[in-house]
């Protein structure tokens, strides 16, 4: 039983690694892209299989003006 507890996590990790490699290999991306330093000190992804239209962004939250909010009583 001890040997199974020792080897089971290693076998699971090896299986998940093989699955990840197979998934990446079969993704169909010819240009995986690379990072280049930007002019402002950030890094920019150049190339790759993800286009800006592929990313879905949530709309920004509405910001209310604190001066228009009703004032709370301090009693």
PDB file of N, CA and C in Angstrom:
ATOM      1  N   UNK A   1       0.816  -1.188   0.000  1.00  0.00           N
ATOM      2  CA  UNK A   1       0.000   0.000   0.000  1.00  0.00           C
ATOM      3  C   UNK A   1       0.865   1.260   0.000  1.00  0.00           C
ATOM      4  N   UNK A   2       2.006   1.208   0.695  1.00  0.00           N
ATOM      5  CA  UNK A   2       2.898   2.367   0.746  1.00  0.00           C
ATOM      6  C   UNK A   2       3.494   2.661  -0.620  1.00  0.00           C
ATOM      7  N   UNK A   3       3.838   1.614  -1.365  1.00  0.00           N
ATOM      8  CA  UNK A   3       4.419   1.798  -2.687  1.00  0.00           C
ATOM      9  C   UNK A   3       3.405   2.462  -3.620  1.00  0.00           C
ATOM     10  N   UNK A   4       2.141   2.094  -3.513  1.00  0.00           N
ATOM     11  CA  UNK A   4       1.098   2.697  -4.341  1.00  0.00           C
ATOM     12  C   UNK A   4       0.937   4.174  -4.004  1.00  0.00           C
ATOM     13  N   UNK A   5       0.986   4.511  -2.719  1.00  0.00           N
ATOM     14  CA  UNK A   5       0.871   5.917  -2.313  1.00  0.00           C
ATOM     15  C   UNK A   5       2.058   6.744  -2.791  1.00  0.00           C
ATOM     16  N   UNK A   6       3.179   6.098  -2.967  1.00  0.00           N
ATOM     17  CA  UNK A   6       4.367   6.800  -3.432  1.00  0.00           C
ATOM     18  C   UNK A   6       4.364   6.982  -4.943  1.00  0.00           C
ATOM     19  N   UNK A   7       3.963   5.968  -5.674  1.00  0.00           N
ATOM     20  CA  UNK A   7       4.051   6.023  -7.134  1.00  0.00           C
ATOM     21  C   UNK A   7       2.816   6.606  -7.805  1.00  0.00           C
ATOM     22  N   UNK A   8       1.665   6.575  -7.171  1.00  0.00           N
ATOM     23  CA  UNK A   8       0.442   7.080  -7.803  1.00  0.00           C
ATOM     24  C   UNK A   8       0.552   8.561  -8.189  1.00  0.00           C
ATOM     25  N   UNK A   9       1.037   9.449  -7.313  1.00  0.00           N
ATOM     26  CA  UNK A   9       1.165  10.849  -7.731  1.00  0.00           C
ATOM     27  C   UNK A   9       2.160  11.028  -8.876  1.00  0.00           C
ATOM     28  N   UNK A  10       3.231  10.245  -8.882  1.00  0.00           N
ATOM     29  CA  UNK A  10       4.206  10.358  -9.965  1.00  0.00           C
ATOM     30  C   UNK A  10       3.615   9.893 -11.291  1.00  0.00           C
ATOM     31  N   UNK A  11       2.853   8.808 -11.260  1.00  0.00           N
ATOM     32  CA  UNK A  11       2.210   8.330 -12.479  1.00  0.00           C
ATOM     33  C   UNK A  11       1.162   9.317 -12.979  1.00  0.00           C
ATOM     34  N   UNK A  12       0.410   9.914 -12.072  1.00  0.00           N
ATOM     35  CA  UNK A  12      -0.580  10.909 -12.453  1.00  0.00           C
ATOM     36  C   UNK A  12       0.092  12.142 -13.053  1.00  0.00           C
ATOM     37  N   UNK A  13       1.187  12.580 -12.460  1.00  0.00           N
ATOM     38  CA  UNK A  13       1.916  13.733 -12.997  1.00  0.00           C
ATOM     39  C   UNK A  13       2.467  13.431 -14.377  1.00  0.00           C
ATOM     40  N   UNK A  14       2.987  12.223 -14.583  1.00  0.00           N
ATOM     41  CA  UNK A  14       3.502  11.845 -15.899  1.00  0.00           C
ATOM     42  C   UNK A  14       2.384  11.794 -16.931  1.00  0.00           C
ATOM     43  N   UNK A  15       1.227  11.286 -16.535  1.00  0.00           N
ATOM     44  CA  UNK A  15       0.093  11.231 -17.466  1.00  0.00           C
ATOM     45  C   UNK A  15      -0.395  12.625 -17.833  1.00  0.00           C
ATOM     46  N   UNK A  16      -0.482  13.510 -16.860  1.00  0.00           N
ATOM     47  CA  UNK A  16      -0.911  14.885 -17.142  1.00  0.00           C
ATOM     48  C   UNK A  16       0.106  15.625 -18.008  1.00  0.00           C
ATOM     49  N   UNK A  17       1.390  15.356 -17.791  1.00  0.00           N
ATOM     50  CA  UNK A  17       2.427  15.964 -18.622  1.00  0.00           C
ATOM     51  C   UNK A  17       2.312  15.487 -20.060  1.00  0.00           C
ATOM     52  N   UNK A  18       2.103  14.192 -20.244  1.00  0.00           N
ATOM     53  CA  UNK A  18       1.943  13.656 -21.596  1.00  0.00           C
ATOM     54  C   UNK A  18       0.704  14.239 -22.269  1.00  0.00           C
ATOM     55  N   UNK A  19      -0.371  14.405 -21.518  1.00  0.00           N
ATOM     56  CA  UNK A  19      -1.586  15.005 -22.068  1.00  0.00           C
ATOM     57  C   UNK A  19      -1.351  16.454 -22.473  1.00  0.00           C
ATOM     58  N   UNK A  20      -0.625  17.204 -21.662  1.00  0.00           N
ATOM     59  CA  UNK A  20      -0.332  18.602 -21.980  1.00  0.00           C
ATOM     60  C   UNK A  20       0.530  18.722 -23.238  1.00  0.00           C
ATOM     61  N   UNK A  21       1.538  17.868 -23.335  1.00  0.00           N
ATOM     62  CA  UNK A  21       2.406  17.906 -24.524  1.00  0.00           C
ATOM     63  C   UNK A  21       1.617  17.532 -25.777  1.00  0.00           C
ATOM     64  N   UNK A  22       0.763  16.533 -25.677  1.00  0.00           N
ATOM     65  CA  UNK A  22      -0.060  16.125 -26.813  1.00  0.00           C
ATOM     66  C   UNK A  22      -1.024  17.234 -27.212  1.00  0.00           C
ATOM     67  N   UNK A  23      -1.597  17.917 -26.247  1.00  0.00           N
ATOM     68  CA  UNK A  23      -2.530  19.009 -26.536  1.00  0.00           C
ATOM     69  C   UNK A  23      -1.824  20.154 -27.243  1.00  0.00           C
ATOM     70  N   UNK A  24      -0.664  20.533 -26.760  1.00  0.00           N
ATOM     71  CA  UNK A  24       0.082  21.629 -27.377  1.00  0.00           C
ATOM     72  C   UNK A  24       0.554  21.236 -28.769  1.00  0.00           C
ATOM     73  N   UNK A  25       0.996  20.002 -28.915  1.00  0.00           N
ATOM     74  CA  UNK A  25       1.477  19.547 -30.220  1.00  0.00           C
ATOM     75  C   UNK A  25       0.341  19.512 -31.245  1.00  0.00           C
ATOM     76  N   UNK A  26      -0.847  19.160 -30.808  1.00  0.00           N
ATOM     77  CA  UNK A  26      -1.978  19.071 -31.725  1.00  0.00           C
ATOM     78  C   UNK A  26      -2.774  20.348 -31.855  1.00  0.00           C
ATOM     79  N   UNK A  27      -2.307  21.438 -31.312  1.00  0.00           N
ATOM     80  CA  UNK A  27      -3.057  22.690 -31.358  1.00  0.00           C
ATOM     81  C   UNK A  27      -3.084  23.294 -32.752  1.00  0.00           C
ATOM     82  N   UNK A  28      -2.173  22.932 -33.616  1.00  0.00           N
ATOM     83  CA  UNK A  28      -2.175  23.441 -34.972  1.00  0.00           C
ATOM     84  C   UNK A  28      -1.627  24.847 -35.108  1.00  0.00           C
ATOM     85  N   UNK A  29      -0.753  25.238 -34.244  1.00  0.00           N
ATOM     86  CA  UNK A  29      -0.169  26.572 -34.297  1.00  0.00           C
ATOM     87  C   UNK A  29       1.237  26.465 -34.886  1.00  0.00           C
ATOM     88  N   UNK A  30       1.431  27.096 -36.051  1.00  0.00           N
ATOM     89  CA  UNK A  30       2.745  27.043 -36.693  1.00  0.00           C
ATOM     90  C   UNK A  30       3.739  28.005 -36.056  1.00  0.00           C
ATOM     91  N   UNK A  31       3.253  29.139 -35.567  1.00  0.00           N
ATOM     92  CA  UNK A  31       4.129  30.145 -34.960  1.00  0.00           C
ATOM     93  C   UNK A  31       3.747  30.293 -33.491  1.00  0.00           C
ATOM     94  N   UNK A  32       4.520  29.701 -32.566  1.00  0.00           N
ATOM     95  CA  UNK A  32       4.141  29.804 -31.156  1.00  0.00           C
ATOM     96  C   UNK A  32       4.320  31.209 -30.590  1.00  0.00           C
ATOM     97  N   UNK A  33       5.026  32.075 -31.277  1.00  0.00           N
ATOM     98  CA  UNK A  33       5.246  33.431 -30.798  1.00  0.00           C
ATOM     99  C   UNK A  33       6.444  33.518 -29.869  1.00  0.00           C
ATOM    100  N   UNK A  34       6.839  34.745 -29.608  1.00  0.00           N
ATOM    101  CA  UNK A  34       7.933  34.990 -28.677  1.00  0.00           C
ATOM    102  C   UNK A  34       7.742  36.372 -28.059  1.00  0.00           C
ATOM    103  N   UNK A  35       8.416  36.608 -26.957  1.00  0.00           N
ATOM    104  CA  UNK A  35       8.305  37.887 -26.268  1.00  0.00           C
ATOM    105  C   UNK A  35       9.497  38.766 -26.611  1.00  0.00           C
ATOM    106  N   UNK A  36       9.210  40.054 -26.808  1.00  0.00           N
ATOM    107  CA  UNK A  36      10.256  41.044 -27.042  1.00  0.00           C
ATOM    108  C   UNK A  36      10.059  42.188 -26.055  1.00  0.00           C
ATOM    109  N   UNK A  37      11.164  42.790 -25.599  1.00  0.00           N
ATOM    110  CA  UNK A  37      11.005  43.925 -24.678  1.00  0.00           C
ATOM    111  C   UNK A  37      10.421  45.127 -25.415  1.00  0.00           C
ATOM    112  N   UNK A  38       9.449  45.783 -24.766  1.00  0.00           N
ATOM    113  CA  UNK A  38       8.827  46.966 -25.340  1.00  0.00           C
ATOM    114  C   UNK A  38       9.610  48.214 -24.982  1.00  0.00           C
ATOM    115  N   UNK A  39       9.258  49.339 -25.605  1.00  0.00           N
ATOM    116  CA  UNK A  39       9.995  50.580 -25.345  1.00  0.00           C
ATOM    117  C   UNK A  39       9.788  51.128 -23.934  1.00  0.00           C
ATOM    118  N   UNK A  40       8.682  50.736 -23.284  1.00  0.00           N
ATOM    119  CA  UNK A  40       8.410  51.266 -21.946  1.00  0.00           C
ATOM    120  C   UNK A  40       8.782  50.296 -20.836  1.00  0.00           C
ATOM    121  N   UNK A  41       9.571  49.267 -21.148  1.00  0.00           N
ATOM    122  CA  UNK A  41      10.024  48.326 -20.127  1.00  0.00           C
ATOM    123  C   UNK A  41       9.127  47.119 -19.957  1.00  0.00           C
ATOM    124  N   UNK A  42       8.031  47.045 -20.688  1.00  0.00           N
ATOM    125  CA  UNK A  42       7.148  45.882 -20.619  1.00  0.00           C
ATOM    126  C   UNK A  42       7.556  44.881 -21.688  1.00  0.00           C
ATOM    127  N   UNK A  43       6.945  43.712 -21.660  1.00  0.00           N
ATOM    128  CA  UNK A  43       7.211  42.688 -22.657  1.00  0.00           C
ATOM    129  C   UNK A  43       5.993  42.550 -23.568  1.00  0.00           C
ATOM    130  N   UNK A  44       6.244  42.359 -24.857  1.00  0.00           N
ATOM    131  CA  UNK A  44       5.186  42.275 -25.851  1.00  0.00           C
ATOM    132  C   UNK A  44       5.278  40.917 -26.540  1.00  0.00           C
ATOM    133  N   UNK A  45       4.134  40.226 -26.653  1.00  0.00           N
ATOM    134  CA  UNK A  45       4.090  38.959 -27.377  1.00  0.00           C
ATOM    135  C   UNK A  45       4.018  39.254 -28.866  1.00  0.00           C
ATOM    136  N   UNK A  46       4.966  38.727 -29.614  1.00  0.00           N
ATOM    137  CA  UNK A  46       5.024  38.911 -31.058  1.00  0.00           C
ATOM    138  C   UNK A  46       4.758  37.568 -31.713  1.00  0.00           C
ATOM    139  N   UNK A  47       3.784  37.530 -32.605  1.00  0.00           N
ATOM    140  CA  UNK A  47       3.419  36.280 -33.262  1.00  0.00           C
ATOM    141  C   UNK A  47       2.459  35.503 -32.392  1.00  0.00           C
ATOM    142  N   UNK A  48       2.387  34.216 -32.618  1.00  0.00           N
ATOM    143  CA  UNK A  48       1.495  33.373 -31.827  1.00  0.00           C
ATOM    144  C   UNK A  48       0.191  33.110 -32.552  1.00  0.00           C
ATOM    145  N   UNK A  49      -0.625  32.304 -31.954  1.00  0.00           N
ATOM    146  CA  UNK A  49      -1.886  31.887 -32.564  1.00  0.00           C
ATOM    147  C   UNK A  49      -3.090  32.634 -32.025  1.00  0.00           C
ATOM    148  N   UNK A  50      -2.917  33.510 -31.068  1.00  0.00           N
ATOM    149  CA  UNK A  50      -4.037  34.225 -30.483  1.00  0.00           C
ATOM    150  C   UNK A  50      -4.112  35.606 -31.116  1.00  0.00           C
ATOM    151  N   UNK A  51      -5.269  35.923 -31.662  1.00  0.00           N
ATOM    152  CA  UNK A  51      -5.517  37.243 -32.231  1.00  0.00           C
ATOM    153  C   UNK A  51      -6.239  38.089 -31.190  1.00  0.00           C
ATOM    154  N   UNK A  52      -6.120  39.411 -31.254  1.00  0.00           N
ATOM    155  CA  UNK A  52      -6.815  40.248 -30.269  1.00  0.00           C
ATOM    156  C   UNK A  52      -8.324  40.013 -30.237  1.00  0.00           C
ATOM    157  N   UNK A  53      -8.939  39.662 -31.366  1.00  0.00           N
ATOM    158  CA  UNK A  53     -10.370  39.404 -31.393  1.00  0.00           C
ATOM    159  C   UNK A  53     -10.760  38.103 -30.712  1.00  0.00           C
ATOM    160  N   UNK A  54      -9.790  37.229 -30.449  1.00  0.00           N
ATOM    161  CA  UNK A  54     -10.076  35.963 -29.780  1.00  0.00           C
ATOM    162  C   UNK A  54     -10.318  36.137 -28.287  1.00  0.00           C
ATOM    163  N   UNK A  55      -9.863  37.241 -27.726  1.00  0.00           N
ATOM    164  CA  UNK A  55      -9.977  37.471 -26.291  1.00  0.00           C
ATOM    165  C   UNK A  55     -11.272  38.220 -25.986  1.00  0.00           C
ATOM    166  N   UNK A  56     -12.026  37.718 -25.052  1.00  0.00           N
ATOM    167  CA  UNK A  56     -13.279  38.354 -24.646  1.00  0.00           C
ATOM    168  C   UNK A  56     -13.038  39.067 -23.325  1.00  0.00           C
ATOM    169  N   UNK A  57     -13.299  40.352 -23.321  1.00  0.00           N
ATOM    170  CA  UNK A  57     -13.093  41.145 -22.110  1.00  0.00           C
ATOM    171  C   UNK A  57     -14.440  41.581 -21.553  1.00  0.00           C
ATOM    172  N   UNK A  58     -14.554  41.547 -20.260  1.00  0.00           N
ATOM    173  CA  UNK A  58     -15.768  42.031 -19.603  1.00  0.00           C
ATOM    174  C   UNK A  58     -15.795  43.547 -19.688  1.00  0.00           C
ATOM    175  N   UNK A  59     -16.988  44.139 -19.788  1.00  0.00           N
ATOM    176  CA  UNK A  59     -17.038  45.602 -19.815  1.00  0.00           C
ATOM    177  C   UNK A  59     -16.565  46.168 -18.485  1.00  0.00           C
ATOM    178  N   UNK A  60     -15.931  47.327 -18.523  1.00  0.00           N
ATOM    179  CA  UNK A  60     -15.445  47.905 -17.260  1.00  0.00           C
ATOM    180  C   UNK A  60     -16.617  48.263 -16.356  1.00  0.00           C
ATOM    181  N   UNK A  61     -16.410  48.191 -15.046  1.00  0.00           N
ATOM    182  CA  UNK A  61     -17.502  48.533 -14.129  1.00  0.00           C
ATOM    183  C   UNK A  61     -17.838  50.018 -14.205  1.00  0.00           C
ATOM    184  N   UNK A  62     -19.092  50.325 -14.019  1.00  0.00           N
ATOM    185  CA  UNK A  62     -19.523  51.727 -14.037  1.00  0.00           C
ATOM    186  C   UNK A  62     -19.013  52.416 -12.775  1.00  0.00           C
ATOM    187  N   UNK A  63     -18.444  53.574 -12.961  1.00  0.00           N
ATOM    188  CA  UNK A  63     -17.909  54.352 -11.843  1.00  0.00           C
ATOM    189  C   UNK A  63     -18.871  55.500 -11.580  1.00  0.00           C
ATOM    190  N   UNK A  64     -19.327  55.601 -10.349  1.00  0.00           N
ATOM    191  CA  UNK A  64     -20.225  56.693  -9.995  1.00  0.00           C
ATOM    192  C   UNK A  64     -19.425  57.818  -9.376  1.00  0.00           C
ATOM    193  N   UNK A  65     -19.900  59.012  -9.594  1.00  0.00           N
ATOM    194  CA  UNK A  65     -19.248  60.196  -9.046  1.00  0.00           C
ATOM    195  C   UNK A  65     -19.608  60.304  -7.566  1.00  0.00           C
ATOM    196  N   UNK A  66     -18.626  60.294  -6.653  1.00  0.00           N
ATOM    197  CA  UNK A  66     -18.948  60.333  -5.221  1.00  0.00           C
ATOM    198  C   UNK A  66     -19.647  61.624  -4.808  1.00  0.00           C
ATOM    199  N   UNK A  67     -19.478  62.715  -5.551  1.00  0.00           N
ATOM    200  CA  UNK A  67     -20.119  63.974  -5.172  1.00  0.00           C
ATOM    201  C   UNK A  67     -21.624  63.930  -5.441  1.00  0.00           C
ATOM    202  N   UNK A  68     -22.084  63.041  -6.345  1.00  0.00           N
ATOM    203  CA  UNK A  68     -23.503  62.972  -6.640  1.00  0.00           C
ATOM    204  C   UNK A  68     -24.231  61.969  -5.742  1.00  0.00           C
ATOM    205  N   UNK A  69     -23.510  61.201  -4.945  1.00  0.00           N
ATOM    206  CA  UNK A  69     -24.139  60.220  -4.055  1.00  0.00           C
ATOM    207  C   UNK A  69     -24.761  60.937  -2.861  1.00  0.00           C
ATOM    208  N   UNK A  70     -25.897  60.446  -2.351  1.00  0.00           N
ATOM    209  CA  UNK A  70     -26.494  61.084  -1.176  1.00  0.00           C
ATOM    210  C   UNK A  70     -25.583  60.961   0.041  1.00  0.00           C
ATOM    211  N   UNK A  71     -25.565  62.009   0.835  1.00  0.00           N
ATOM    212  CA  UNK A  71     -24.705  62.014   2.013  1.00  0.00           C
ATOM    213  C   UNK A  71     -25.369  61.247   3.148  1.00  0.00           C
ATOM    214  N   UNK A  72     -24.570  60.424   3.840  1.00  0.00           N
ATOM    215  CA  UNK A  72     -25.091  59.658   4.967  1.00  0.00           C
ATOM    216  C   UNK A  72     -25.051  60.501   6.229  1.00  0.00           C
ATOM    217  N   UNK A  73     -26.011  60.258   7.083  1.00  0.00           N
ATOM    218  CA  UNK A  73     -25.995  60.986   8.360  1.00  0.00           C
ATOM    219  C   UNK A  73     -24.938  60.346   9.264  1.00  0.00           C
ATOM    220  N   UNK A  74     -24.366  61.130  10.100  1.00  0.00           N
ATOM    221  CA  UNK A  74     -23.291  60.653  10.979  1.00  0.00           C
ATOM    222  C   UNK A  74     -23.785  60.579  12.423  1.00  0.00           C
ATOM    223  N   UNK A  75     -24.939  60.079  12.647  1.00  0.00           N
ATOM    224  CA  UNK A  75     -25.447  60.023  14.022  1.00  0.00           C
ATOM    225  C   UNK A  75     -25.270  58.673  14.623  1.00  0.00           C
TER     226      UNK A  75
END
